[in-house]
Amino acid sequence: MTDINRQAIFEQVQATLVELFELDAADVTPDAQLYQELDLDSIDAVDLVVYLQNQTGKKIKPEDFKSVRTVDDIVDAVIGLMQED
């Protein structure tokens, strides 16, 4: 996966977090902690998974998102989804 695609996915994830959770885009950095810094909770995480499933057309297994802690982890998860057949 090229850096351009990774950057594009980050920008989409960032826009999604801003839209869904009314976050400031400047706060949504790759290393931002979802729960501590961005104040997301488990319900927000479920909403995010549902939104990403709709955007990618891929089924997201809950265990794939258990280790997600940062915005960059979300980007990695989306890249992983996009690489699946």
PDB file of N, CA and C in Angstrom:
ATOM      1  N   MET A   1       0.863  -1.178   0.000  1.00  0.00           N
ATOM      2  CA  MET A   1       0.000   0.000   0.000  1.00  0.00           C
ATOM      3  C   MET A   1       0.903   1.232   0.000  1.00  0.00           C
ATOM      4  N   THR A   2       0.620   2.166  -0.864  1.00  0.00           N
ATOM      5  CA  THR A   2       1.490   3.335  -0.967  1.00  0.00           C
ATOM      6  C   THR A   2       1.138   4.353   0.115  1.00  0.00           C
ATOM      7  N   ASP A   3       2.084   5.269   0.338  1.00  0.00           N
ATOM      8  CA  ASP A   3       1.850   6.322   1.325  1.00  0.00           C
ATOM      9  C   ASP A   3       0.682   7.211   0.920  1.00  0.00           C
ATOM     10  N   ILE A   4       0.506   7.418  -0.391  1.00  0.00           N
ATOM     11  CA  ILE A   4      -0.599   8.260  -0.860  1.00  0.00           C
ATOM     12  C   ILE A   4      -1.926   7.633  -0.445  1.00  0.00           C
ATOM     13  N   ASN A   5      -2.064   6.330  -0.638  1.00  0.00           N
ATOM     14  CA  ASN A   5      -3.297   5.662  -0.218  1.00  0.00           C
ATOM     15  C   ASN A   5      -3.477   5.739   1.287  1.00  0.00           C
ATOM     16  N   ARG A   6      -2.382   5.549   2.026  1.00  0.00           N
ATOM     17  CA  ARG A   6      -2.455   5.624   3.486  1.00  0.00           C
ATOM     18  C   ARG A   6      -2.891   7.024   3.913  1.00  0.00           C
ATOM     19  N   GLN A   7      -2.332   8.044   3.272  1.00  0.00           N
ATOM     20  CA  GLN A   7      -2.709   9.420   3.586  1.00  0.00           C
ATOM     21  C   GLN A   7      -4.177   9.665   3.251  1.00  0.00           C
ATOM     22  N   ALA A   8      -4.617   9.151   2.117  1.00  0.00           N
ATOM     23  CA  ALA A   8      -6.022   9.323   1.722  1.00  0.00           C
ATOM     24  C   ALA A   8      -6.947   8.633   2.716  1.00  0.00           C
ATOM     25  N   ILE A   9      -6.555   7.447   3.174  1.00  0.00           N
ATOM     26  CA  ILE A   9      -7.375   6.734   4.158  1.00  0.00           C
ATOM     27  C   ILE A   9      -7.374   7.492   5.479  1.00  0.00           C
ATOM     28  N   PHE A  10      -6.207   7.999   5.887  1.00  0.00           N
ATOM     29  CA  PHE A  10      -6.165   8.802   7.113  1.00  0.00           C
ATOM     30  C   PHE A  10      -7.114  10.002   7.003  1.00  0.00           C
ATOM     31  N   GLU A  11      -7.062  10.689   5.867  1.00  0.00           N
ATOM     32  CA  GLU A  11      -7.920  11.869   5.698  1.00  0.00           C
ATOM     33  C   GLU A  11      -9.400  11.490   5.764  1.00  0.00           C
ATOM     34  N   GLN A  12      -9.754  10.334   5.210  1.00  0.00           N
ATOM     35  CA  GLN A  12     -11.146   9.871   5.269  1.00  0.00           C
ATOM     36  C   GLN A  12     -11.536   9.525   6.704  1.00  0.00           C
ATOM     37  N   VAL A  13     -10.649   8.832   7.411  1.00  0.00           N
ATOM     38  CA  VAL A  13     -10.913   8.480   8.814  1.00  0.00           C
ATOM     39  C   VAL A  13     -11.041   9.756   9.646  1.00  0.00           C
ATOM     40  N   GLN A  14     -10.141  10.699   9.408  1.00  0.00           N
ATOM     41  CA  GLN A  14     -10.183  11.974  10.133  1.00  0.00           C
ATOM     42  C   GLN A  14     -11.514  12.683   9.879  1.00  0.00           C
ATOM     43  N   ALA A  15     -11.916  12.767   8.617  1.00  0.00           N
ATOM     44  CA  ALA A  15     -13.183  13.427   8.272  1.00  0.00           C
ATOM     45  C   ALA A  15     -14.365  12.704   8.917  1.00  0.00           C
ATOM     46  N   THR A  16     -14.292  11.381   8.963  1.00  0.00           N
ATOM     47  CA  THR A  16     -15.348  10.588   9.584  1.00  0.00           C
ATOM     48  C   THR A  16     -15.458  10.889  11.075  1.00  0.00           C
ATOM     49  N   LEU A  17     -14.314  10.918  11.762  1.00  0.00           N
ATOM     50  CA  LEU A  17     -14.319  11.197  13.200  1.00  0.00           C
ATOM     51  C   LEU A  17     -14.839  12.609  13.476  1.00  0.00           C
ATOM     52  N   VAL A  18     -14.452  13.556  12.647  1.00  0.00           N
ATOM     53  CA  VAL A  18     -14.925  14.933  12.813  1.00  0.00           C
ATOM     54  C   VAL A  18     -16.435  14.994  12.616  1.00  0.00           C
ATOM     55  N   GLU A  19     -16.913  14.315  11.562  1.00  0.00           N
ATOM     56  CA  GLU A  19     -18.345  14.344  11.248  1.00  0.00           C
ATOM     57  C   GLU A  19     -19.185  13.605  12.289  1.00  0.00           C
ATOM     58  N   LEU A  20     -18.775  12.395  12.628  1.00  0.00           N
ATOM     59  CA  LEU A  20     -19.586  11.570  13.525  1.00  0.00           C
ATOM     60  C   LEU A  20     -19.571  12.056  14.969  1.00  0.00           C
ATOM     61  N   PHE A  21     -18.413  12.548  15.412  1.00  0.00           N
ATOM     62  CA  PHE A  21     -18.254  12.825  16.839  1.00  0.00           C
ATOM     63  C   PHE A  21     -17.969  14.291  17.145  1.00  0.00           C
ATOM     64  N   GLU A  22     -18.115  15.147  16.128  1.00  0.00           N
ATOM     65  CA  GLU A  22     -17.950  16.587  16.299  1.00  0.00           C
ATOM     66  C   GLU A  22     -16.612  16.931  16.942  1.00  0.00           C
ATOM     67  N   LEU A  23     -15.568  16.269  16.454  1.00  0.00           N
ATOM     68  CA  LEU A  23     -14.221  16.529  16.949  1.00  0.00           C
ATOM     69  C   LEU A  23     -13.578  17.634  16.121  1.00  0.00           C
ATOM     70  N   ASP A  24     -12.577  18.270  16.674  1.00  0.00           N
ATOM     71  CA  ASP A  24     -11.787  19.257  15.956  1.00  0.00           C
ATOM     72  C   ASP A  24     -10.764  18.490  15.103  1.00  0.00           C
ATOM     73  N   ALA A  25     -10.733  18.776  13.817  1.00  0.00           N
ATOM     74  CA  ALA A  25      -9.826  18.064  12.914  1.00  0.00           C
ATOM     75  C   ALA A  25      -8.368  18.149  13.382  1.00  0.00           C
ATOM     76  N   ALA A  26      -7.996  19.260  13.986  1.00  0.00           N
ATOM     77  CA  ALA A  26      -6.618  19.422  14.469  1.00  0.00           C
ATOM     78  C   ALA A  26      -6.286  18.427  15.578  1.00  0.00           C
ATOM     79  N   ASP A  27      -7.299  17.947  16.294  1.00  0.00           N
ATOM     80  CA  ASP A  27      -7.087  16.972  17.370  1.00  0.00           C
ATOM     81  C   ASP A  27      -6.963  15.550  16.842  1.00  0.00           C
ATOM     82  N   VAL A  28      -7.447  15.305  15.625  1.00  0.00           N
ATOM     83  CA  VAL A  28      -7.468  13.959  15.056  1.00  0.00           C
ATOM     84  C   VAL A  28      -6.171  13.729  14.287  1.00  0.00           C
ATOM     85  N   THR A  29      -5.124  13.397  15.039  1.00  0.00           N
ATOM     86  CA  THR A  29      -3.812  13.114  14.462  1.00  0.00           C
ATOM     87  C   THR A  29      -3.604  11.603  14.452  1.00  0.00           C
ATOM     88  N   PRO A  30      -2.652  11.109  13.660  1.00  0.00           N
ATOM     89  CA  PRO A  30      -2.452   9.655  13.611  1.00  0.00           C
ATOM     90  C   PRO A  30      -2.203   9.017  14.970  1.00  0.00           C
ATOM     91  N   ASP A  31      -1.510   9.721  15.865  1.00  0.00           N
ATOM     92  CA  ASP A  31      -1.198   9.114  17.168  1.00  0.00           C
ATOM     93  C   ASP A  31      -2.164   9.514  18.275  1.00  0.00           C
ATOM     94  N   ALA A  32      -3.256  10.184  17.923  1.00  0.00           N
ATOM     95  CA  ALA A  32      -4.252  10.561  18.937  1.00  0.00           C
ATOM     96  C   ALA A  32      -4.907   9.309  19.520  1.00  0.00           C
ATOM     97  N   GLN A  33      -4.968   9.254  20.845  1.00  0.00           N
ATOM     98  CA  GLN A  33      -5.608   8.138  21.549  1.00  0.00           C
ATOM     99  C   GLN A  33      -7.124   8.321  21.475  1.00  0.00           C
ATOM    100  N   LEU A  34      -7.821   7.312  20.966  1.00  0.00           N
ATOM    101  CA  LEU A  34      -9.268   7.429  20.758  1.00  0.00           C
ATOM    102  C   LEU A  34     -10.025   7.656  22.051  1.00  0.00           C
ATOM    103  N   TYR A  35      -9.673   6.891  23.081  1.00  0.00           N
ATOM    104  CA  TYR A  35     -10.467   6.922  24.306  1.00  0.00           C
ATOM    105  C   TYR A  35      -9.993   8.008  25.270  1.00  0.00           C
ATOM    106  N   GLN A  36      -8.666   8.173  25.393  1.00  0.00           N
ATOM    107  CA  GLN A  36      -8.157   9.157  26.341  1.00  0.00           C
ATOM    108  C   GLN A  36      -8.203  10.576  25.769  1.00  0.00           C
ATOM    109  N   GLU A  37      -7.675  10.769  24.569  1.00  0.00           N
ATOM    110  CA  GLU A  37      -7.557  12.122  24.024  1.00  0.00           C
ATOM    111  C   GLU A  37      -8.815  12.594  23.306  1.00  0.00           C
ATOM    112  N   LEU A  38      -9.470  11.700  22.583  1.00  0.00           N
ATOM    113  CA  LEU A  38     -10.634  12.106  21.789  1.00  0.00           C
ATOM    114  C   LEU A  38     -11.955  11.845  22.502  1.00  0.00           C
ATOM    115  N   ASP A  39     -11.882  11.259  23.683  1.00  0.00           N
ATOM    116  CA  ASP A  39     -13.059  11.011  24.523  1.00  0.00           C
ATOM    117  C   ASP A  39     -14.131  10.155  23.851  1.00  0.00           C
ATOM    118  N   LEU A  40     -13.714   9.218  23.032  1.00  0.00           N
ATOM    119  CA  LEU A  40     -14.683   8.280  22.464  1.00  0.00           C
ATOM    120  C   LEU A  40     -14.949   7.194  23.508  1.00  0.00           C
ATOM    121  N   ASP A  41     -16.114   6.587  23.418  1.00  0.00           N
ATOM    122  CA  ASP A  41     -16.429   5.470  24.310  1.00  0.00           C
ATOM    123  C   ASP A  41     -16.773   4.245  23.473  1.00  0.00           C
ATOM    124  N   SER A  42     -17.166   3.169  24.135  1.00  0.00           N
ATOM    125  CA  SER A  42     -17.408   1.921  23.406  1.00  0.00           C
ATOM    126  C   SER A  42     -18.581   2.048  22.433  1.00  0.00           C
ATOM    127  N   ILE A  43     -19.568   2.835  22.770  1.00  0.00           N
ATOM    128  CA  ILE A  43     -20.704   3.042  21.864  1.00  0.00           C
ATOM    129  C   ILE A  43     -20.234   3.808  20.627  1.00  0.00           C
ATOM    130  N   ASP A  44     -19.378   4.809  20.832  1.00  0.00           N
ATOM    131  CA  ASP A  44     -18.807   5.533  19.699  1.00  0.00           C
ATOM    132  C   ASP A  44     -18.018   4.585  18.797  1.00  0.00           C
ATOM    133  N   ALA A  45     -17.286   3.665  19.411  1.00  0.00           N
ATOM    134  CA  ALA A  45     -16.497   2.707  18.636  1.00  0.00           C
ATOM    135  C   ALA A  45     -17.402   1.833  17.779  1.00  0.00           C
ATOM    136  N   VAL A  46     -18.526   1.402  18.324  1.00  0.00           N
ATOM    137  CA  VAL A  46     -19.488   0.607  17.555  1.00  0.00           C
ATOM    138  C   VAL A  46     -20.031   1.434  16.389  1.00  0.00           C
ATOM    139  N   ASP A  47     -20.391   2.689  16.661  1.00  0.00           N
ATOM    140  CA  ASP A  47     -20.877   3.569  15.595  1.00  0.00           C
ATOM    141  C   ASP A  47     -19.835   3.709  14.489  1.00  0.00           C
ATOM    142  N   LEU A  48     -18.575   3.832  14.881  1.00  0.00           N
ATOM    143  CA  LEU A  48     -17.494   3.975  13.919  1.00  0.00           C
ATOM    144  C   LEU A  48     -17.357   2.704  13.078  1.00  0.00           C
ATOM    145  N   VAL A  49     -17.416   1.542  13.713  1.00  0.00           N
ATOM    146  CA  VAL A  49     -17.312   0.268  12.986  1.00  0.00           C
ATOM    147  C   VAL A  49     -18.447   0.153  11.975  1.00  0.00           C
ATOM    148  N   VAL A  50     -19.662   0.473  12.375  1.00  0.00           N
ATOM    149  CA  VAL A  50     -20.809   0.401  11.471  1.00  0.00           C
ATOM    150  C   VAL A  50     -20.606   1.342  10.283  1.00  0.00           C
ATOM    151  N   TYR A  51     -20.154   2.561  10.563  1.00  0.00           N
ATOM    152  CA  TYR A  51     -19.917   3.534   9.503  1.00  0.00           C
ATOM    153  C   TYR A  51     -18.840   3.024   8.534  1.00  0.00           C
ATOM    154  N   LEU A  52     -17.749   2.502   9.080  1.00  0.00           N
ATOM    155  CA  LEU A  52     -16.671   1.998   8.224  1.00  0.00           C
ATOM    156  C   LEU A  52     -17.119   0.804   7.394  1.00  0.00           C
ATOM    157  N   GLN A  53     -17.958  -0.047   7.969  1.00  0.00           N
ATOM    158  CA  GLN A  53     -18.505  -1.175   7.204  1.00  0.00           C
ATOM    159  C   GLN A  53     -19.312  -0.659   6.022  1.00  0.00           C
ATOM    160  N   ASN A  54     -20.121   0.356   6.257  1.00  0.00           N
ATOM    161  CA  ASN A  54     -20.928   0.925   5.183  1.00  0.00           C
ATOM    162  C   ASN A  54     -20.056   1.569   4.115  1.00  0.00           C
ATOM    163  N   GLN A  55     -18.988   2.237   4.528  1.00  0.00           N
ATOM    164  CA  GLN A  55     -18.099   2.919   3.584  1.00  0.00           C
ATOM    165  C   GLN A  55     -17.264   1.943   2.759  1.00  0.00           C
ATOM    166  N   THR A  56     -16.805   0.869   3.390  1.00  0.00           N
ATOM    167  CA  THR A  56     -15.906  -0.056   2.696  1.00  0.00           C
ATOM    168  C   THR A  56     -16.651  -1.214   2.037  1.00  0.00           C
ATOM    169  N   GLY A  57     -17.882  -1.457   2.486  1.00  0.00           N
ATOM    170  CA  GLY A  57     -18.610  -2.611   1.979  1.00  0.00           C
ATOM    171  C   GLY A  57     -18.058  -3.915   2.514  1.00  0.00           C
ATOM    172  N   LYS A  58     -17.217  -3.844   3.540  1.00  0.00           N
ATOM    173  CA  LYS A  58     -16.591  -5.030   4.130  1.00  0.00           C
ATOM    174  C   LYS A  58     -17.119  -5.251   5.532  1.00  0.00           C
ATOM    175  N   LYS A  59     -17.238  -6.505   5.896  1.00  0.00           N
ATOM    176  CA  LYS A  59     -17.652  -6.857   7.257  1.00  0.00           C
ATOM    177  C   LYS A  59     -16.459  -6.734   8.186  1.00  0.00           C
ATOM    178  N   ILE A  60     -16.643  -6.019   9.274  1.00  0.00           N
ATOM    179  CA  ILE A  60     -15.575  -5.850  10.249  1.00  0.00           C
ATOM    180  C   ILE A  60     -15.860  -6.762  11.434  1.00  0.00           C
ATOM    181  N   LYS A  61     -14.912  -7.637  11.721  1.00  0.00           N
ATOM    182  CA  LYS A  61     -15.065  -8.525  12.867  1.00  0.00           C
ATOM    183  C   LYS A  61     -14.712  -7.745  14.135  1.00  0.00           C
ATOM    184  N   PRO A  62     -15.525  -7.850  15.175  1.00  0.00           N
ATOM    185  CA  PRO A  62     -15.251  -7.100  16.407  1.00  0.00           C
ATOM    186  C   PRO A  62     -13.846  -7.327  16.942  1.00  0.00           C
ATOM    187  N   GLU A  63     -13.331  -8.551  16.806  1.00  0.00           N
ATOM    188  CA  GLU A  63     -11.985  -8.819  17.329  1.00  0.00           C
ATOM    189  C   GLU A  63     -10.919  -8.027  16.566  1.00  0.00           C
ATOM    190  N   ASP A  64     -11.206  -7.652  15.316  1.00  0.00           N
ATOM    191  CA  ASP A  64     -10.259  -6.842  14.552  1.00  0.00           C
ATOM    192  C   ASP A  64     -10.147  -5.432  15.113  1.00  0.00           C
ATOM    193  N   PHE A  65     -11.158  -5.006  15.854  1.00  0.00           N
ATOM    194  CA  PHE A  65     -11.151  -3.644  16.372  1.00  0.00           C
ATOM    195  C   PHE A  65     -10.826  -3.580  17.857  1.00  0.00           C
ATOM    196  N   LYS A  66     -10.648  -4.734  18.506  1.00  0.00           N
ATOM    197  CA  LYS A  66     -10.353  -4.723  19.940  1.00  0.00           C
ATOM    198  C   LYS A  66      -9.024  -4.067  20.262  1.00  0.00           C
ATOM    199  N   SER A  67      -8.056  -4.179  19.359  1.00  0.00           N
ATOM    200  CA  SER A  67      -6.725  -3.627  19.621  1.00  0.00           C
ATOM    201  C   SER A  67      -6.589  -2.179  19.151  1.00  0.00           C
ATOM    202  N   VAL A  68      -7.636  -1.626  18.561  1.00  0.00           N
ATOM    203  CA  VAL A  68      -7.573  -0.258  18.053  1.00  0.00           C
ATOM    204  C   VAL A  68      -7.562   0.730  19.225  1.00  0.00           C
ATOM    205  N   ARG A  69      -6.511   1.527  19.281  1.00  0.00           N
ATOM    206  CA  ARG A  69      -6.371   2.513  20.361  1.00  0.00           C
ATOM    207  C   ARG A  69      -6.129   3.930  19.842  1.00  0.00           C
ATOM    208  N   THR A  70      -5.561   4.027  18.616  1.00  0.00           N
ATOM    209  CA  THR A  70      -5.238   5.333  18.054  1.00  0.00           C
ATOM    210  C   THR A  70      -5.894   5.499  16.684  1.00  0.00           C
ATOM    211  N   VAL A  71      -5.858   6.715  16.197  1.00  0.00           N
ATOM    212  CA  VAL A  71      -6.388   6.976  14.850  1.00  0.00           C
ATOM    213  C   VAL A  71      -5.606   6.152  13.828  1.00  0.00           C
ATOM    214  N   ASP A  72      -4.292   6.044  14.001  1.00  0.00           N
ATOM    215  CA  ASP A  72      -3.479   5.261  13.077  1.00  0.00           C
ATOM    216  C   ASP A  72      -3.873   3.785  13.091  1.00  0.00           C
ATOM    217  N   ASP A  73      -4.304   3.278  14.250  1.00  0.00           N
ATOM    218  CA  ASP A  73      -4.792   1.894  14.324  1.00  0.00           C
ATOM    219  C   ASP A  73      -6.035   1.714  13.445  1.00  0.00           C
ATOM    220  N   ILE A  74      -6.885   2.726  13.412  1.00  0.00           N
ATOM    221  CA  ILE A  74      -8.070   2.660  12.542  1.00  0.00           C
ATOM    222  C   ILE A  74      -7.630   2.602  11.083  1.00  0.00           C
ATOM    223  N   VAL A  75      -6.662   3.447  10.728  1.00  0.00           N
ATOM    224  CA  VAL A  75      -6.148   3.456   9.354  1.00  0.00           C
ATOM    225  C   VAL A  75      -5.609   2.068   9.001  1.00  0.00           C
ATOM    226  N   ASP A  76      -4.825   1.469   9.897  1.00  0.00           N
ATOM    227  CA  ASP A  76      -4.292   0.123   9.660  1.00  0.00           C
ATOM    228  C   ASP A  76      -5.417  -0.885   9.467  1.00  0.00           C
ATOM    229  N   ALA A  77      -6.460  -0.787  10.281  1.00  0.00           N
ATOM    230  CA  ALA A  77      -7.591  -1.716  10.181  1.00  0.00           C
ATOM    231  C   ALA A  77      -8.306  -1.552   8.839  1.00  0.00           C
ATOM    232  N   VAL A  78      -8.486  -0.319   8.396  1.00  0.00           N
ATOM    233  CA  VAL A  78      -9.153  -0.067   7.110  1.00  0.00           C
ATOM    234  C   VAL A  78      -8.287  -0.599   5.966  1.00  0.00           C
ATOM    235  N   ILE A  79      -6.980  -0.368   6.037  1.00  0.00           N
ATOM    236  CA  ILE A  79      -6.084  -0.891   5.009  1.00  0.00           C
ATOM    237  C   ILE A  79      -6.176  -2.418   4.957  1.00  0.00           C
ATOM    238  N   GLY A  80      -6.195  -3.047   6.142  1.00  0.00           N
ATOM    239  CA  GLY A  80      -6.342  -4.493   6.201  1.00  0.00           C
ATOM    240  C   GLY A  80      -7.639  -4.962   5.559  1.00  0.00           C
ATOM    241  N   LEU A  81      -8.715  -4.246   5.818  1.00  0.00           N
ATOM    242  CA  LEU A  81     -10.007  -4.591   5.215  1.00  0.00           C
ATOM    243  C   LEU A  81      -9.951  -4.473   3.696  1.00  0.00           C
ATOM    244  N   MET A  82      -9.338  -3.415   3.221  1.00  0.00           N
ATOM    245  CA  MET A  82      -9.305  -3.154   1.788  1.00  0.00           C
ATOM    246  C   MET A  82      -8.453  -4.203   1.049  1.00  0.00           C
ATOM    247  N   GLN A  83      -7.516  -4.826   1.764  1.00  0.00           N
ATOM    248  CA  GLN A  83      -6.643  -5.819   1.153  1.00  0.00           C
ATOM    249  C   GLN A  83      -7.275  -7.212   1.135  1.00  0.00           C
ATOM    250  N   GLU A  84      -8.357  -7.388   1.897  1.00  0.00           N
ATOM    251  CA  GLU A  84      -9.030  -8.691   1.925  1.00  0.00           C
ATOM    252  C   GLU A  84      -9.817  -8.888   0.633  1.00  0.00           C
ATOM    253  N   ASP A  85      -9.932 -10.128   0.233  1.00  0.00           N
ATOM    254  CA  ASP A  85     -10.743 -10.437  -0.956  1.00  0.00           C
ATOM    255  C   ASP A  85     -12.186 -10.650  -0.604  1.00  0.00           C
TER     256      ASP A  85
END
